[in-house]
Amino acid sequence: MREKESTTAIIFVRHGITDFPKDRLYCDDVEDPSLNEEGVKQAYLAADMLRDVHVDTIISSPSKRTLMTADSIAKSTKIQIQTDAALKERPFGIWDGLYFDAIERDFPEEYLAWKKNPIGFVPQGGESILDLAVRVKNILDQIISQYHGKTVVIVSHVGPIRVMVTQSMDMPLEKYRQLTINYGSISRIDYGRRQNNLIYMNLCHI
């Protein structure tokens, strides 16, 4: 009889919504917004979806919105939160905190270069999607190795989650933006030696 392969379950949770304008780039090192009332509810509902799941550890981006989301899950599961800066959102360097129309107006050449090469373009002082992919793959590999056979909740942001799911499913990185990851949603991938299995994706209370 073939022995069933041991897998590591990773549950990706996107933080709840904030009042930060959707047409601005986040600037966590300066502003680091908290969840708003709706975001707190989304965090609670994410925790509620995991209430019957045995969780071995919770690892969160250190941003305030992710920690607030992780705290709801920690209270539900009685598991202490760990933080890792490798799970933070992609930084945009000199563009951090700017509105998209201001980037297009004030950095026209760079803006066009970004649109032509969305995964390879590097804003001054920031990261490309290719850089982000290396960063999150390294931390995900470490987590899977350290917690082999266990269940890990990772609380992060839309960019890192999209990229980690894309990589795990062997999709072209250029397709990462085609994945919908809503605020407060949970997605699970079981990682094995031979293959990874997508169990569910973007589950949330709407």
N, C-alpha and C. Protein backbone atom coordinates (compact mmCIF):
# COMPACT_ATOMS: atom_id res chain seq x y z
N MET A 1 0.85 -1.19 0.00
CA MET A 1 0.00 0.00 0.00
C MET A 1 0.89 1.25 0.00
N ARG A 2 0.55 2.22 -0.86
CA ARG A 2 1.34 3.43 -0.93
C ARG A 2 1.08 4.31 0.29
N GLU A 3 2.17 4.77 0.91
CA GLU A 3 2.05 5.61 2.10
C GLU A 3 1.71 7.03 1.68
N LYS A 4 0.73 7.61 2.36
CA LYS A 4 0.33 8.98 2.05
C LYS A 4 1.43 9.96 2.43
N GLU A 5 1.72 10.87 1.51
CA GLU A 5 2.80 11.83 1.74
C GLU A 5 2.41 12.85 2.80
N SER A 6 3.35 13.13 3.70
CA SER A 6 3.13 14.15 4.73
C SER A 6 3.22 15.54 4.10
N THR A 7 2.25 16.39 4.42
CA THR A 7 2.24 17.74 3.86
C THR A 7 2.26 18.79 4.96
N THR A 8 2.63 20.00 4.57
CA THR A 8 2.61 21.15 5.48
C THR A 8 1.51 22.08 4.99
N ALA A 9 0.53 22.35 5.83
CA ALA A 9 -0.58 23.21 5.46
C ALA A 9 -0.23 24.67 5.78
N ILE A 10 -0.28 25.50 4.75
CA ILE A 10 -0.07 26.94 4.94
C ILE A 10 -1.38 27.64 4.63
N ILE A 11 -1.89 28.38 5.60
CA ILE A 11 -3.12 29.15 5.42
C ILE A 11 -2.73 30.63 5.34
N PHE A 12 -2.92 31.21 4.17
CA PHE A 12 -2.58 32.62 3.95
C PHE A 12 -3.80 33.47 4.29
N VAL A 13 -3.61 34.48 5.12
CA VAL A 13 -4.68 35.39 5.51
C VAL A 13 -4.29 36.80 5.12
N ARG A 14 -5.15 37.44 4.32
CA ARG A 14 -4.90 38.86 4.02
C ARG A 14 -5.53 39.70 5.12
N HIS A 15 -4.85 40.75 5.50
CA HIS A 15 -5.35 41.65 6.55
C HIS A 15 -6.68 42.27 6.16
N GLY A 16 -7.38 42.79 7.15
CA GLY A 16 -8.62 43.51 6.90
C GLY A 16 -8.35 44.90 6.32
N ILE A 17 -9.42 45.55 5.93
CA ILE A 17 -9.31 46.84 5.24
C ILE A 17 -8.99 47.96 6.23
N THR A 18 -8.38 49.02 5.71
CA THR A 18 -8.07 50.24 6.48
C THR A 18 -8.74 51.43 5.79
N ASP A 19 -8.57 52.60 6.39
CA ASP A 19 -9.08 53.83 5.76
C ASP A 19 -8.07 54.43 4.78
N PHE A 20 -6.94 53.78 4.59
CA PHE A 20 -5.92 54.31 3.68
C PHE A 20 -6.50 54.33 2.27
N PRO A 21 -6.34 55.44 1.53
CA PRO A 21 -6.92 55.54 0.18
C PRO A 21 -6.44 54.42 -0.75
N LYS A 22 -7.36 53.86 -1.51
CA LYS A 22 -7.01 52.74 -2.39
C LYS A 22 -6.17 53.16 -3.58
N ASP A 23 -6.14 54.46 -3.89
CA ASP A 23 -5.34 54.92 -5.03
C ASP A 23 -4.00 55.52 -4.59
N ARG A 24 -3.57 55.14 -3.38
CA ARG A 24 -2.23 55.52 -2.90
C ARG A 24 -1.44 54.26 -2.60
N LEU A 25 -0.12 54.36 -2.70
CA LEU A 25 0.76 53.27 -2.31
C LEU A 25 1.00 53.34 -0.80
N TYR A 26 0.89 52.21 -0.14
CA TYR A 26 1.14 52.17 1.31
C TYR A 26 2.56 52.63 1.63
N CYS A 27 2.70 53.22 2.79
CA CYS A 27 4.01 53.69 3.26
C CYS A 27 4.12 53.32 4.73
N ASP A 28 4.29 52.02 4.99
CA ASP A 28 4.20 51.51 6.37
C ASP A 28 5.23 52.12 7.32
N ASP A 29 6.41 52.44 6.81
CA ASP A 29 7.45 52.96 7.69
C ASP A 29 7.12 54.36 8.20
N VAL A 30 6.16 55.02 7.56
CA VAL A 30 5.77 56.37 7.97
C VAL A 30 4.37 56.40 8.56
N GLU A 31 3.41 55.75 7.89
CA GLU A 31 2.01 55.89 8.29
C GLU A 31 1.45 54.64 8.97
N ASP A 32 1.69 53.47 8.45
CA ASP A 32 1.31 52.18 9.04
C ASP A 32 -0.12 52.21 9.59
N PRO A 33 -1.12 52.28 8.73
CA PRO A 33 -2.50 52.45 9.19
C PRO A 33 -3.06 51.24 9.93
N SER A 34 -4.01 51.52 10.81
CA SER A 34 -4.72 50.48 11.54
C SER A 34 -5.94 50.02 10.74
N LEU A 35 -6.50 48.88 11.13
CA LEU A 35 -7.77 48.46 10.55
C LEU A 35 -8.86 49.45 10.93
N ASN A 36 -9.78 49.68 10.01
CA ASN A 36 -10.96 50.46 10.37
C ASN A 36 -12.02 49.52 10.94
N GLU A 37 -13.21 50.04 11.20
CA GLU A 37 -14.26 49.22 11.82
C GLU A 37 -14.60 48.00 10.97
N GLU A 38 -14.69 48.21 9.66
CA GLU A 38 -14.98 47.08 8.76
C GLU A 38 -13.83 46.08 8.76
N GLY A 39 -12.60 46.60 8.79
CA GLY A 39 -11.44 45.73 8.80
C GLY A 39 -11.36 44.87 10.05
N VAL A 40 -11.74 45.45 11.19
CA VAL A 40 -11.77 44.68 12.44
C VAL A 40 -12.78 43.54 12.32
N LYS A 41 -13.92 43.83 11.70
CA LYS A 41 -14.93 42.79 11.50
C LYS A 41 -14.40 41.70 10.57
N GLN A 42 -13.70 42.11 9.50
CA GLN A 42 -13.13 41.13 8.58
C GLN A 42 -12.12 40.23 9.28
N ALA A 43 -11.31 40.81 10.15
CA ALA A 43 -10.34 40.02 10.91
C ALA A 43 -11.04 39.02 11.82
N TYR A 44 -12.11 39.48 12.46
CA TYR A 44 -12.89 38.59 13.33
C TYR A 44 -13.48 37.43 12.52
N LEU A 45 -14.01 37.74 11.33
CA LEU A 45 -14.63 36.70 10.50
C LEU A 45 -13.59 35.72 9.96
N ALA A 46 -12.40 36.23 9.66
CA ALA A 46 -11.32 35.33 9.24
C ALA A 46 -10.98 34.36 10.37
N ALA A 47 -10.89 34.89 11.57
CA ALA A 47 -10.61 34.04 12.73
C ALA A 47 -11.74 33.03 12.94
N ASP A 48 -12.97 33.47 12.70
CA ASP A 48 -14.12 32.58 12.88
C ASP A 48 -14.06 31.41 11.89
N MET A 49 -13.61 31.67 10.66
CA MET A 49 -13.50 30.61 9.67
C MET A 49 -12.45 29.57 10.07
N LEU A 50 -11.53 29.97 10.93
CA LEU A 50 -10.46 29.06 11.35
C LEU A 50 -10.69 28.49 12.75
N ARG A 51 -11.87 28.72 13.31
CA ARG A 51 -12.10 28.35 14.71
C ARG A 51 -11.97 26.86 14.97
N ASP A 52 -12.27 26.02 13.97
CA ASP A 52 -12.19 24.57 14.16
C ASP A 52 -10.93 23.96 13.55
N VAL A 53 -10.00 24.81 13.12
CA VAL A 53 -8.75 24.34 12.51
C VAL A 53 -7.66 24.26 13.58
N HIS A 54 -6.95 23.13 13.63
CA HIS A 54 -5.81 23.05 14.53
C HIS A 54 -4.65 23.83 13.92
N VAL A 55 -4.24 24.89 14.58
CA VAL A 55 -3.16 25.75 14.10
C VAL A 55 -1.95 25.57 15.01
N ASP A 56 -0.79 25.34 14.40
CA ASP A 56 0.43 25.14 15.19
C ASP A 56 1.18 26.44 15.43
N THR A 57 1.10 27.36 14.49
CA THR A 57 1.79 28.64 14.69
C THR A 57 1.17 29.70 13.79
N ILE A 58 1.33 30.96 14.19
CA ILE A 58 0.87 32.12 13.41
C ILE A 58 2.08 33.01 13.17
N ILE A 59 2.33 33.32 11.90
CA ILE A 59 3.46 34.19 11.55
C ILE A 59 2.91 35.37 10.76
N SER A 60 3.20 36.57 11.20
CA SER A 60 2.59 37.76 10.61
C SER A 60 3.64 38.76 10.14
N SER A 61 3.29 39.48 9.12
CA SER A 61 4.01 40.71 8.80
C SER A 61 3.90 41.64 10.00
N PRO A 62 4.93 42.45 10.28
CA PRO A 62 4.88 43.32 11.46
C PRO A 62 4.07 44.60 11.27
N SER A 63 3.45 44.79 10.11
CA SER A 63 2.63 45.99 9.89
C SER A 63 1.43 45.97 10.83
N LYS A 64 0.94 47.15 11.19
CA LYS A 64 -0.14 47.23 12.19
C LYS A 64 -1.40 46.51 11.73
N ARG A 65 -1.77 46.65 10.45
CA ARG A 65 -3.00 46.05 9.95
C ARG A 65 -2.93 44.52 9.94
N THR A 66 -1.74 43.98 9.68
CA THR A 66 -1.60 42.53 9.71
C THR A 66 -1.57 42.02 11.15
N LEU A 67 -0.91 42.74 12.03
CA LEU A 67 -0.86 42.32 13.43
C LEU A 67 -2.24 42.36 14.08
N MET A 68 -3.04 43.37 13.73
CA MET A 68 -4.40 43.44 14.27
C MET A 68 -5.23 42.25 13.76
N THR A 69 -5.03 41.89 12.50
CA THR A 69 -5.73 40.73 11.94
C THR A 69 -5.26 39.45 12.60
N ALA A 70 -3.96 39.32 12.75
CA ALA A 70 -3.38 38.13 13.39
C ALA A 70 -3.84 38.01 14.83
N ASP A 71 -4.05 39.14 15.50
CA ASP A 71 -4.46 39.11 16.90
C ASP A 71 -5.83 38.45 17.07
N SER A 72 -6.72 38.70 16.13
CA SER A 72 -8.03 38.04 16.18
C SER A 72 -7.89 36.53 16.09
N ILE A 73 -7.00 36.08 15.22
CA ILE A 73 -6.78 34.64 15.05
C ILE A 73 -6.08 34.07 16.27
N ALA A 74 -5.14 34.82 16.82
CA ALA A 74 -4.41 34.37 18.01
C ALA A 74 -5.36 34.19 19.19
N LYS A 75 -6.30 35.11 19.36
CA LYS A 75 -7.26 35.01 20.46
C LYS A 75 -8.16 33.80 20.28
N SER A 76 -8.51 33.49 19.02
CA SER A 76 -9.39 32.36 18.74
C SER A 76 -8.68 31.01 18.91
N THR A 77 -7.40 30.97 18.50
CA THR A 77 -6.66 29.70 18.51
C THR A 77 -5.79 29.52 19.74
N LYS A 78 -5.61 30.59 20.54
CA LYS A 78 -4.74 30.57 21.72
C LYS A 78 -3.28 30.31 21.33
N ILE A 79 -2.90 30.78 20.14
CA ILE A 79 -1.53 30.62 19.65
C ILE A 79 -0.85 31.98 19.62
N GLN A 80 0.40 32.05 20.08
CA GLN A 80 1.15 33.30 20.11
C GLN A 80 1.60 33.69 18.71
N ILE A 81 1.60 34.98 18.42
CA ILE A 81 2.00 35.49 17.11
C ILE A 81 3.50 35.65 17.03
N GLN A 82 4.08 35.17 15.93
CA GLN A 82 5.46 35.51 15.58
C GLN A 82 5.40 36.53 14.44
N THR A 83 6.43 37.35 14.31
CA THR A 83 6.47 38.31 13.22
C THR A 83 7.73 38.10 12.38
N ASP A 84 7.61 38.43 11.10
CA ASP A 84 8.77 38.36 10.20
C ASP A 84 8.61 39.43 9.13
N ALA A 85 9.61 40.32 9.06
CA ALA A 85 9.56 41.44 8.11
C ALA A 85 9.57 40.97 6.66
N ALA A 86 9.98 39.73 6.41
CA ALA A 86 9.99 39.21 5.04
C ALA A 86 8.58 39.06 4.48
N LEU A 87 7.56 39.16 5.35
CA LEU A 87 6.17 39.05 4.92
C LEU A 87 5.52 40.40 4.68
N LYS A 88 6.30 41.48 4.76
CA LYS A 88 5.74 42.81 4.54
C LYS A 88 5.40 43.02 3.07
N GLU A 89 4.59 44.04 2.81
CA GLU A 89 4.22 44.39 1.45
C GLU A 89 5.42 44.92 0.68
N ARG A 90 5.32 44.88 -0.62
CA ARG A 90 6.39 45.39 -1.48
C ARG A 90 6.60 46.88 -1.26
N PRO A 91 7.83 47.33 -1.00
CA PRO A 91 8.10 48.76 -0.88
C PRO A 91 8.32 49.39 -2.26
N PHE A 92 7.89 50.64 -2.41
CA PHE A 92 8.05 51.34 -3.67
C PHE A 92 9.05 52.49 -3.59
N GLY A 93 9.88 52.51 -2.56
CA GLY A 93 10.94 53.51 -2.48
C GLY A 93 10.41 54.93 -2.51
N ILE A 94 10.89 55.71 -3.47
CA ILE A 94 10.50 57.13 -3.54
C ILE A 94 9.04 57.31 -3.92
N TRP A 95 8.39 56.24 -4.33
CA TRP A 95 6.95 56.31 -4.64
C TRP A 95 6.07 55.98 -3.44
N ASP A 96 6.63 55.52 -2.36
CA ASP A 96 5.83 55.16 -1.19
C ASP A 96 4.95 56.33 -0.77
N GLY A 97 3.66 56.05 -0.56
CA GLY A 97 2.74 57.06 -0.09
C GLY A 97 2.14 57.94 -1.16
N LEU A 98 2.60 57.81 -2.40
CA LEU A 98 2.10 58.68 -3.47
C LEU A 98 0.80 58.14 -4.06
N TYR A 99 0.00 59.06 -4.62
CA TYR A 99 -1.17 58.67 -5.40
C TYR A 99 -0.71 58.22 -6.79
N PHE A 100 -1.47 57.30 -7.37
CA PHE A 100 -1.07 56.77 -8.68
C PHE A 100 -1.03 57.86 -9.75
N ASP A 101 -1.98 58.80 -9.70
CA ASP A 101 -1.97 59.85 -10.72
C ASP A 101 -0.77 60.78 -10.54
N ALA A 102 -0.28 60.93 -9.30
CA ALA A 102 0.91 61.75 -9.06
C ALA A 102 2.16 61.05 -9.61
N ILE A 103 2.21 59.73 -9.50
CA ILE A 103 3.34 58.98 -10.07
C ILE A 103 3.36 59.15 -11.58
N GLU A 104 2.20 59.00 -12.20
CA GLU A 104 2.11 59.13 -13.67
C GLU A 104 2.48 60.54 -14.11
N ARG A 105 2.10 61.55 -13.33
CA ARG A 105 2.38 62.94 -13.68
C ARG A 105 3.85 63.32 -13.43
N ASP A 106 4.40 62.93 -12.29
CA ASP A 106 5.72 63.40 -11.88
C ASP A 106 6.86 62.49 -12.32
N PHE A 107 6.53 61.23 -12.65
CA PHE A 107 7.55 60.27 -13.09
C PHE A 107 7.10 59.58 -14.38
N PRO A 108 6.86 60.37 -15.44
CA PRO A 108 6.24 59.79 -16.64
C PRO A 108 7.05 58.67 -17.28
N GLU A 109 8.37 58.82 -17.38
CA GLU A 109 9.19 57.78 -18.01
C GLU A 109 9.21 56.52 -17.16
N GLU A 110 9.40 56.70 -15.85
CA GLU A 110 9.42 55.55 -14.95
C GLU A 110 8.05 54.86 -14.91
N TYR A 111 6.99 55.67 -14.96
CA TYR A 111 5.65 55.11 -14.95
C TYR A 111 5.41 54.22 -16.17
N LEU A 112 5.84 54.69 -17.33
CA LEU A 112 5.70 53.89 -18.56
C LEU A 112 6.55 52.63 -18.49
N ALA A 113 7.74 52.74 -17.93
CA ALA A 113 8.62 51.57 -17.78
C ALA A 113 7.96 50.54 -16.86
N TRP A 114 7.29 51.03 -15.82
CA TRP A 114 6.58 50.15 -14.89
C TRP A 114 5.46 49.40 -15.59
N LYS A 115 4.70 50.14 -16.42
CA LYS A 115 3.57 49.52 -17.11
C LYS A 115 4.05 48.51 -18.17
N LYS A 116 5.20 48.79 -18.78
CA LYS A 116 5.72 47.88 -19.80
C LYS A 116 6.35 46.63 -19.20
N ASN A 117 6.90 46.77 -17.99
CA ASN A 117 7.58 45.64 -17.35
C ASN A 117 7.16 45.58 -15.88
N PRO A 118 5.91 45.19 -15.61
CA PRO A 118 5.39 45.28 -14.24
C PRO A 118 6.07 44.38 -13.22
N ILE A 119 6.70 43.30 -13.65
CA ILE A 119 7.36 42.44 -12.66
C ILE A 119 8.85 42.74 -12.51
N GLY A 120 9.45 43.37 -13.52
CA GLY A 120 10.88 43.62 -13.47
C GLY A 120 11.27 45.03 -13.08
N PHE A 121 10.34 45.98 -13.20
CA PHE A 121 10.66 47.38 -12.92
C PHE A 121 10.93 47.58 -11.42
N VAL A 122 11.98 48.34 -11.13
CA VAL A 122 12.35 48.63 -9.74
C VAL A 122 12.25 50.13 -9.50
N PRO A 123 11.29 50.60 -8.70
CA PRO A 123 11.25 52.01 -8.33
C PRO A 123 12.51 52.35 -7.52
N GLN A 124 13.00 53.56 -7.65
CA GLN A 124 14.20 53.95 -6.92
C GLN A 124 14.01 53.72 -5.41
N GLY A 125 14.88 52.88 -4.85
CA GLY A 125 14.81 52.59 -3.43
C GLY A 125 13.78 51.55 -3.06
N GLY A 126 13.12 50.95 -4.07
CA GLY A 126 12.07 49.97 -3.80
C GLY A 126 12.43 48.57 -4.25
N GLU A 127 11.41 47.78 -4.50
CA GLU A 127 11.57 46.40 -4.93
C GLU A 127 10.79 46.16 -6.21
N SER A 128 11.29 45.27 -7.04
CA SER A 128 10.49 44.76 -8.15
C SER A 128 9.68 43.57 -7.67
N ILE A 129 8.75 43.13 -8.49
CA ILE A 129 8.02 41.90 -8.16
C ILE A 129 8.98 40.72 -8.15
N LEU A 130 9.97 40.74 -9.01
CA LEU A 130 10.97 39.67 -9.01
C LEU A 130 11.72 39.64 -7.68
N ASP A 131 12.06 40.82 -7.15
CA ASP A 131 12.71 40.90 -5.84
C ASP A 131 11.79 40.36 -4.75
N LEU A 132 10.53 40.76 -4.81
CA LEU A 132 9.55 40.30 -3.83
C LEU A 132 9.41 38.78 -3.88
N ALA A 133 9.42 38.23 -5.09
CA ALA A 133 9.29 36.78 -5.25
C ALA A 133 10.42 36.03 -4.57
N VAL A 134 11.64 36.55 -4.68
CA VAL A 134 12.79 35.92 -4.02
C VAL A 134 12.63 36.01 -2.51
N ARG A 135 12.23 37.19 -2.04
CA ARG A 135 12.08 37.41 -0.59
C ARG A 135 11.05 36.46 0.01
N VAL A 136 9.87 36.38 -0.60
CA VAL A 136 8.83 35.57 0.03
C VAL A 136 9.08 34.07 -0.17
N LYS A 137 9.75 33.70 -1.26
CA LYS A 137 10.08 32.27 -1.44
C LYS A 137 11.04 31.81 -0.37
N ASN A 138 12.00 32.66 -0.04
CA ASN A 138 12.97 32.30 1.00
C ASN A 138 12.29 32.08 2.34
N ILE A 139 11.40 33.00 2.73
CA ILE A 139 10.75 32.85 4.04
C ILE A 139 9.78 31.68 4.02
N LEU A 140 9.09 31.47 2.89
CA LEU A 140 8.14 30.36 2.81
C LEU A 140 8.88 29.02 2.89
N ASP A 141 10.00 28.91 2.20
CA ASP A 141 10.81 27.68 2.27
C ASP A 141 11.26 27.41 3.71
N GLN A 142 11.67 28.47 4.41
CA GLN A 142 12.10 28.32 5.81
C GLN A 142 10.95 27.84 6.68
N ILE A 143 9.76 28.42 6.48
CA ILE A 143 8.61 28.06 7.29
C ILE A 143 8.21 26.60 7.05
N ILE A 144 8.19 26.19 5.77
CA ILE A 144 7.81 24.82 5.44
C ILE A 144 8.81 23.83 6.02
N SER A 145 10.09 24.18 5.98
CA SER A 145 11.11 23.30 6.55
C SER A 145 10.99 23.22 8.07
N GLN A 146 10.78 24.35 8.72
CA GLN A 146 10.73 24.40 10.18
C GLN A 146 9.47 23.74 10.73
N TYR A 147 8.36 23.87 10.00
CA TYR A 147 7.07 23.37 10.50
C TYR A 147 6.53 22.24 9.62
N HIS A 148 7.43 21.40 9.16
CA HIS A 148 7.03 20.29 8.28
C HIS A 148 5.93 19.43 8.94
N GLY A 149 4.87 19.17 8.18
CA GLY A 149 3.79 18.34 8.67
C GLY A 149 2.80 19.05 9.58
N LYS A 150 2.99 20.36 9.80
CA LYS A 150 2.13 21.11 10.70
C LYS A 150 1.24 22.09 9.91
N THR A 151 0.45 22.86 10.62
CA THR A 151 -0.43 23.85 10.01
C THR A 151 0.00 25.24 10.47
N VAL A 152 0.31 26.09 9.51
CA VAL A 152 0.84 27.43 9.78
C VAL A 152 -0.09 28.47 9.17
N VAL A 153 -0.44 29.48 9.94
CA VAL A 153 -1.19 30.62 9.43
C VAL A 153 -0.20 31.75 9.16
N ILE A 154 -0.21 32.24 7.94
CA ILE A 154 0.63 33.39 7.55
C ILE A 154 -0.30 34.57 7.29
N VAL A 155 -0.12 35.64 8.04
CA VAL A 155 -0.93 36.85 7.86
C VAL A 155 -0.08 37.89 7.14
N SER A 156 -0.52 38.24 5.95
CA SER A 156 0.32 39.11 5.12
C SER A 156 -0.55 40.04 4.28
N HIS A 157 -0.01 40.48 3.16
CA HIS A 157 -0.62 41.50 2.30
C HIS A 157 -0.93 40.91 0.93
N VAL A 158 -1.66 41.65 0.13
CA VAL A 158 -2.12 41.12 -1.15
C VAL A 158 -0.96 40.76 -2.07
N GLY A 159 0.08 41.61 -2.14
CA GLY A 159 1.21 41.33 -3.04
C GLY A 159 1.94 40.05 -2.68
N PRO A 160 2.45 39.93 -1.45
CA PRO A 160 3.14 38.70 -1.06
C PRO A 160 2.28 37.45 -1.19
N ILE A 161 0.99 37.54 -0.82
CA ILE A 161 0.14 36.35 -0.92
C ILE A 161 -0.06 35.95 -2.37
N ARG A 162 -0.34 36.92 -3.23
CA ARG A 162 -0.48 36.61 -4.66
C ARG A 162 0.78 35.92 -5.20
N VAL A 163 1.92 36.47 -4.86
CA VAL A 163 3.18 35.93 -5.38
C VAL A 163 3.44 34.53 -4.82
N MET A 164 3.20 34.33 -3.53
CA MET A 164 3.45 33.01 -2.94
C MET A 164 2.53 31.94 -3.53
N VAL A 165 1.27 32.30 -3.74
CA VAL A 165 0.34 31.34 -4.36
C VAL A 165 0.75 31.06 -5.80
N THR A 166 1.11 32.10 -6.54
CA THR A 166 1.54 31.94 -7.93
C THR A 166 2.73 31.00 -8.01
N GLN A 167 3.74 31.23 -7.17
CA GLN A 167 4.92 30.38 -7.17
C GLN A 167 4.57 28.94 -6.80
N SER A 168 3.74 28.78 -5.79
CA SER A 168 3.43 27.45 -5.29
C SER A 168 2.66 26.61 -6.30
N MET A 169 1.91 27.27 -7.18
CA MET A 169 1.14 26.57 -8.20
C MET A 169 1.87 26.50 -9.54
N ASP A 170 3.15 26.90 -9.54
CA ASP A 170 3.97 26.89 -10.76
C ASP A 170 3.34 27.70 -11.89
N MET A 171 2.68 28.79 -11.53
CA MET A 171 2.13 29.70 -12.53
C MET A 171 3.20 30.69 -12.96
N PRO A 172 3.13 31.22 -14.18
CA PRO A 172 4.04 32.29 -14.56
C PRO A 172 3.87 33.49 -13.63
N LEU A 173 4.96 34.05 -13.16
CA LEU A 173 4.88 35.16 -12.22
C LEU A 173 4.11 36.34 -12.81
N GLU A 174 4.16 36.50 -14.13
CA GLU A 174 3.46 37.59 -14.79
C GLU A 174 1.95 37.55 -14.55
N LYS A 175 1.44 36.39 -14.14
CA LYS A 175 0.00 36.23 -13.94
C LYS A 175 -0.45 36.52 -12.51
N TYR A 176 0.46 36.98 -11.65
CA TYR A 176 0.14 37.08 -10.23
C TYR A 176 -1.05 37.99 -9.96
N ARG A 177 -1.22 39.03 -10.75
CA ARG A 177 -2.30 39.98 -10.50
C ARG A 177 -3.67 39.43 -10.90
N GLN A 178 -3.69 38.29 -11.56
CA GLN A 178 -4.96 37.68 -11.94
C GLN A 178 -5.60 36.92 -10.77
N LEU A 179 -4.86 36.79 -9.67
CA LEU A 179 -5.40 36.13 -8.49
C LEU A 179 -6.13 37.15 -7.62
N THR A 180 -7.36 36.85 -7.28
CA THR A 180 -8.13 37.73 -6.40
C THR A 180 -7.93 37.29 -4.95
N ILE A 181 -7.41 38.21 -4.15
CA ILE A 181 -7.19 37.96 -2.72
C ILE A 181 -7.87 39.11 -1.97
N ASN A 182 -9.08 38.89 -1.51
CA ASN A 182 -9.84 39.96 -0.86
C ASN A 182 -9.38 40.22 0.57
N TYR A 183 -9.74 41.39 1.07
CA TYR A 183 -9.46 41.72 2.48
C TYR A 183 -10.09 40.67 3.39
N GLY A 184 -9.33 40.21 4.36
CA GLY A 184 -9.84 39.26 5.33
C GLY A 184 -10.06 37.85 4.79
N SER A 185 -9.55 37.58 3.59
CA SER A 185 -9.75 36.26 3.00
C SER A 185 -8.70 35.27 3.48
N ILE A 186 -9.04 33.98 3.38
CA ILE A 186 -8.09 32.92 3.71
C ILE A 186 -7.92 32.00 2.51
N SER A 187 -6.70 31.55 2.29
CA SER A 187 -6.36 30.63 1.20
C SER A 187 -5.42 29.58 1.77
N ARG A 188 -5.61 28.33 1.35
CA ARG A 188 -4.77 27.26 1.90
C ARG A 188 -4.11 26.45 0.80
N ILE A 189 -2.81 26.21 0.98
CA ILE A 189 -2.05 25.32 0.11
C ILE A 189 -1.36 24.29 0.99
N ASP A 190 -1.47 23.04 0.62
CA ASP A 190 -0.74 21.96 1.30
C ASP A 190 0.52 21.66 0.50
N TYR A 191 1.68 21.80 1.16
CA TYR A 191 2.97 21.64 0.51
C TYR A 191 3.53 20.25 0.77
N GLY A 192 3.83 19.52 -0.32
CA GLY A 192 4.42 18.19 -0.21
C GLY A 192 5.76 18.13 -0.91
N ARG A 193 6.40 16.98 -0.82
CA ARG A 193 7.72 16.82 -1.47
C ARG A 193 7.59 16.83 -2.99
N ARG A 194 6.55 16.22 -3.50
CA ARG A 194 6.40 16.07 -4.95
C ARG A 194 5.54 17.15 -5.58
N GLN A 195 4.54 17.60 -4.86
CA GLN A 195 3.64 18.61 -5.43
C GLN A 195 2.95 19.36 -4.31
N ASN A 196 2.40 20.51 -4.68
CA ASN A 196 1.61 21.32 -3.76
C ASN A 196 0.16 21.28 -4.22
N ASN A 197 -0.75 21.25 -3.27
CA ASN A 197 -2.17 21.17 -3.59
C ASN A 197 -2.92 22.40 -3.05
N LEU A 198 -3.61 23.09 -3.94
CA LEU A 198 -4.45 24.21 -3.54
C LEU A 198 -5.75 23.66 -2.97
N ILE A 199 -5.99 23.87 -1.69
CA ILE A 199 -7.16 23.32 -1.02
C ILE A 199 -8.35 24.27 -1.14
N TYR A 200 -8.12 25.55 -0.90
CA TYR A 200 -9.14 26.57 -1.16
C TYR A 200 -8.44 27.92 -1.31
N MET A 201 -9.18 28.87 -1.89
CA MET A 201 -8.57 30.17 -2.15
C MET A 201 -9.61 31.28 -2.01
N ASN A 202 -9.20 32.36 -1.36
CA ASN A 202 -9.97 33.58 -1.26
C ASN A 202 -11.34 33.37 -0.59
N LEU A 203 -11.36 32.51 0.43
CA LEU A 203 -12.60 32.34 1.19
C LEU A 203 -12.79 33.54 2.11
N CYS A 204 -13.98 34.12 2.06
CA CYS A 204 -14.23 35.26 2.93
C CYS A 204 -15.74 35.47 3.07
N HIS A 205 -16.11 36.19 4.10
CA HIS A 205 -17.51 36.59 4.30
C HIS A 205 -17.72 37.91 3.56
N ILE A 206 -18.63 37.91 2.61
CA ILE A 206 -18.88 39.13 1.82
C ILE A 206 -20.20 39.76 2.26
